[in-house]
Amino acid sequence: MIKQNLIIYKFVLLYHILKELNLDLNYKIIFADTKISLNDKLINDNNSLVITNTKHMDIGDHFVLENTPINIFKIIEKINIEFLKIKFGSQSKIKIKNYTIDLNSREIIKNNNKKLKLTEREIDIIIYLFNSEKPVSVQELQHKVWSYNTDIETHTVETHIYRLRKKFLISFNDKEFITSKNSGYQIK
């Protein structure tokens, strides 16, 4: 089992308490006293929780432990809940090209923080196209995304793709997100 990193930022008392209990905890306990040392510890790490005793606007997600004194078992319970939230949040994000799909909020976010609301079906289309190695035919999308029988004549797929491309063009000025080939649609 991989130990989760518990980074205590500018909260010396909590760091010393948790260090004493370190053998009984399932965390790697780290102390950071400057913004630089905190950033060094957080680079490319989504298995960390930062705990402080005051809100820091310059730190993204962190857990503020303000109401002290508090029972140590309550602290550990809160820490475990925060780690579960981090895990849930990271599992609900999918990186596609220079976009991130947030499955919980049903939004696609471009690197510059522009957001676009999507329907559940649009998300299904994007994920299916992205996971495909080759262009996907209309019939395959009907069968795999809509669960339609491929013998049914419908323009549902084409209409959804058209609207989705239009959304990307208007919101992100991206006309190449979903490309058309003779054999179908593709995201590459």
Protein backbone atom coordinates (compact mmCIF):
# COMPACT_ATOMS: atom_id res chain seq x y z
CA MET A 1 0.00 0.00 0.00
CA ILE A 2 1.36 3.41 -0.99
CA LYS A 3 1.56 5.84 1.90
CA GLN A 4 -0.25 9.09 1.43
CA ASN A 5 1.73 12.28 1.97
CA LEU A 6 0.45 14.50 4.73
CA ILE A 7 2.12 17.88 4.33
CA ILE A 8 1.85 20.12 7.38
CA TYR A 9 2.31 23.71 6.23
CA LYS A 10 3.37 26.31 8.84
CA PHE A 11 1.64 24.36 11.64
CA VAL A 12 4.56 23.20 13.81
CA LEU A 13 2.51 21.98 16.77
CA LEU A 14 0.41 19.60 14.64
CA TYR A 15 3.53 18.37 12.87
CA HIS A 16 5.16 17.39 16.17
CA ILE A 17 2.01 15.69 17.45
CA LEU A 18 1.56 13.64 14.29
CA LYS A 19 5.27 12.80 14.12
CA GLU A 20 4.97 11.26 17.61
CA LEU A 21 2.08 9.12 16.37
CA ASN A 22 3.76 8.36 13.06
CA LEU A 23 4.13 4.62 13.69
CA ASP A 24 0.40 4.27 14.19
CA LEU A 25 -0.56 6.35 11.16
CA ASN A 26 -0.59 5.35 7.52
CA TYR A 27 0.80 8.66 6.27
CA LYS A 28 4.17 9.99 5.36
CA ILE A 29 4.30 13.17 7.44
CA ILE A 30 6.18 16.08 5.90
CA PHE A 31 6.70 19.62 7.18
CA ALA A 32 6.89 22.67 4.94
CA ASP A 33 7.57 26.12 6.35
CA THR A 34 7.87 28.13 3.12
CA LYS A 35 5.87 28.37 -0.08
CA ILE A 36 8.90 27.18 -2.05
CA SER A 37 9.38 24.06 0.06
CA LEU A 38 5.64 23.35 -0.20
CA ASN A 39 5.68 23.65 -3.99
CA ASP A 40 8.71 21.34 -4.19
CA LYS A 41 6.80 18.68 -2.27
CA LEU A 42 3.62 19.05 -4.35
CA ILE A 43 5.09 18.87 -7.87
CA ASN A 44 3.43 16.04 -9.81
CA ASP A 45 1.91 14.58 -6.66
CA ASN A 46 -1.80 13.87 -6.40
CA ASN A 47 -1.37 11.69 -3.34
CA SER A 48 -0.83 14.58 -0.91
CA LEU A 49 -2.94 16.56 1.50
CA VAL A 50 -1.82 19.93 2.79
CA ILE A 51 -2.97 20.87 6.29
CA THR A 52 -2.68 24.38 7.70
CA ASN A 53 -4.12 26.22 10.66
CA THR A 54 -5.10 29.28 8.59
CA LYS A 55 -6.56 29.74 5.11
CA HIS A 56 -3.89 30.50 2.50
CA MET A 57 -5.25 32.03 -0.69
CA ASP A 58 -2.07 31.19 -2.61
CA ILE A 59 -2.45 27.44 -2.03
CA GLY A 60 -4.96 25.51 -4.11
CA ASP A 61 -6.79 22.78 -2.25
CA HIS A 62 -5.81 22.45 1.35
CA PHE A 63 -7.42 21.44 4.61
CA VAL A 64 -7.64 24.11 7.31
CA LEU A 65 -7.70 22.88 10.88
CA GLU A 66 -8.91 25.94 12.76
CA ASN A 67 -10.92 24.70 15.71
CA THR A 68 -8.31 23.42 18.12
CA PRO A 69 -7.98 21.75 20.52
CA ILE A 70 -9.58 18.74 18.87
CA ASN A 71 -9.57 15.05 19.63
CA ILE A 72 -6.77 13.26 17.76
CA PHE A 73 -9.22 10.65 16.46
CA LYS A 74 -11.35 13.45 14.98
CA ILE A 75 -8.26 14.87 13.26
CA ILE A 76 -7.42 11.49 11.77
CA GLU A 77 -11.04 11.02 10.67
CA LYS A 78 -11.02 14.43 8.96
CA ILE A 79 -7.69 13.65 7.28
CA ASN A 80 -9.04 10.34 5.95
CA ILE A 81 -12.16 12.09 4.61
CA GLU A 82 -10.00 14.68 2.84
CA PHE A 83 -7.87 11.95 1.25
CA LEU A 84 -11.06 10.24 0.03
CA LYS A 85 -12.21 13.54 -1.51
CA ILE A 86 -8.86 13.92 -3.28
CA LYS A 87 -9.04 10.37 -4.64
CA PHE A 88 -12.64 10.82 -5.80
CA GLY A 89 -11.81 14.15 -7.44
CA SER A 90 -8.78 12.80 -9.29
CA GLN A 91 -10.73 9.80 -10.59
CA SER A 92 -13.41 12.06 -12.01
CA LYS A 93 -11.04 14.02 -14.25
CA ILE A 94 -10.00 12.87 -17.72
CA LYS A 95 -7.28 14.61 -19.71
CA ILE A 96 -7.95 14.86 -23.45
CA LYS A 97 -5.56 16.90 -25.57
CA ASN A 98 -5.27 20.30 -23.84
CA TYR A 99 -8.64 19.85 -22.13
CA THR A 100 -9.77 18.25 -18.88
CA ILE A 101 -13.21 16.72 -18.52
CA ASP A 102 -14.65 16.91 -15.02
CA LEU A 103 -17.17 14.09 -14.85
CA ASN A 104 -18.71 15.38 -11.62
CA SER A 105 -19.55 18.86 -12.87
CA ARG A 106 -19.98 17.73 -16.50
CA GLU A 107 -17.63 20.42 -17.74
CA ILE A 108 -14.71 20.46 -20.08
CA ILE A 109 -11.99 22.89 -19.13
CA LYS A 110 -9.27 24.21 -21.40
CA ASN A 111 -5.81 24.87 -19.96
CA ASN A 112 -6.54 28.58 -19.75
CA ASN A 113 -9.49 27.81 -17.40
CA LYS A 114 -12.25 28.41 -19.95
CA LYS A 115 -15.14 26.07 -19.14
CA LEU A 116 -17.90 24.56 -21.21
CA LYS A 117 -20.91 22.68 -19.86
CA LEU A 118 -21.55 19.35 -21.56
CA THR A 119 -24.39 16.87 -21.53
CA GLU A 120 -23.79 13.33 -20.37
CA ARG A 121 -24.18 12.08 -23.95
CA GLU A 122 -21.60 14.60 -25.22
CA ILE A 123 -19.14 13.38 -22.60
CA ASP A 124 -19.81 9.78 -23.66
CA ILE A 125 -19.14 10.69 -27.31
CA ILE A 126 -15.89 12.51 -26.49
CA ILE A 127 -14.57 9.71 -24.29
CA TYR A 128 -15.48 7.02 -26.81
CA LEU A 129 -13.84 8.91 -29.69
CA PHE A 130 -10.75 9.67 -27.62
CA ASN A 131 -10.30 6.04 -26.55
CA SER A 132 -10.60 4.77 -30.12
CA GLU A 133 -7.37 4.14 -32.02
CA LYS A 134 -9.04 4.68 -35.39
CA PRO A 135 -11.86 6.82 -36.78
CA VAL A 136 -15.27 5.75 -35.46
CA SER A 137 -18.17 5.25 -37.83
CA VAL A 138 -21.66 6.63 -37.25
CA GLN A 139 -22.97 3.07 -36.92
CA GLU A 140 -20.38 2.22 -34.25
CA LEU A 141 -21.29 5.36 -32.26
CA GLN A 142 -24.99 4.48 -32.56
CA HIS A 143 -24.31 1.00 -31.24
CA LYS A 144 -21.72 1.77 -28.53
CA VAL A 145 -22.84 5.19 -27.23
CA TRP A 146 -26.60 5.11 -27.89
CA SER A 147 -27.11 1.33 -27.83
CA TYR A 148 -29.13 1.65 -31.05
CA ASN A 149 -29.49 -1.17 -33.48
CA THR A 150 -27.30 -0.24 -36.45
CA ASP A 151 -30.13 -1.03 -38.88
CA ILE A 152 -32.09 2.02 -37.69
CA GLU A 153 -31.83 5.06 -39.97
CA THR A 154 -31.22 8.14 -37.82
CA HIS A 155 -29.17 11.32 -37.91
CA THR A 156 -28.80 11.52 -34.13
CA VAL A 157 -25.03 10.97 -34.21
CA GLU A 158 -24.40 13.53 -36.92
CA THR A 159 -26.59 16.09 -35.12
CA HIS A 160 -24.75 15.58 -31.80
CA ILE A 161 -21.33 15.79 -33.46
CA TYR A 162 -22.37 18.95 -35.33
CA ARG A 163 -23.58 20.63 -32.10
CA LEU A 164 -20.53 19.50 -30.17
CA ARG A 165 -18.16 20.88 -32.80
CA LYS A 166 -20.11 24.14 -32.82
CA LYS A 167 -19.79 24.42 -29.01
CA PHE A 168 -16.01 23.93 -29.26
CA LEU A 169 -15.73 26.47 -32.02
CA ILE A 170 -17.73 29.11 -30.13
CA SER A 171 -16.26 28.48 -26.67
CA PHE A 172 -12.64 27.59 -27.46
CA ASN A 173 -12.21 28.63 -31.10
CA ASP A 174 -11.23 25.00 -31.77
CA LYS A 175 -12.50 23.60 -35.05
CA GLU A 176 -10.12 20.61 -34.98
CA PHE A 177 -11.20 18.93 -31.71
CA ILE A 178 -13.33 16.33 -33.50
CA THR A 179 -12.12 15.59 -36.99
CA SER A 180 -14.00 13.87 -39.80
CA LYS A 181 -12.52 11.15 -41.92
CA ASN A 182 -14.22 9.17 -44.67
CA SER A 183 -14.46 6.27 -42.25
CA GLY A 184 -15.83 8.28 -39.29
CA TYR A 185 -15.01 10.72 -36.51
CA GLN A 186 -11.86 10.97 -34.43
CA ILE A 187 -10.18 12.89 -31.61
CA LYS A 188 -6.42 12.76 -31.82
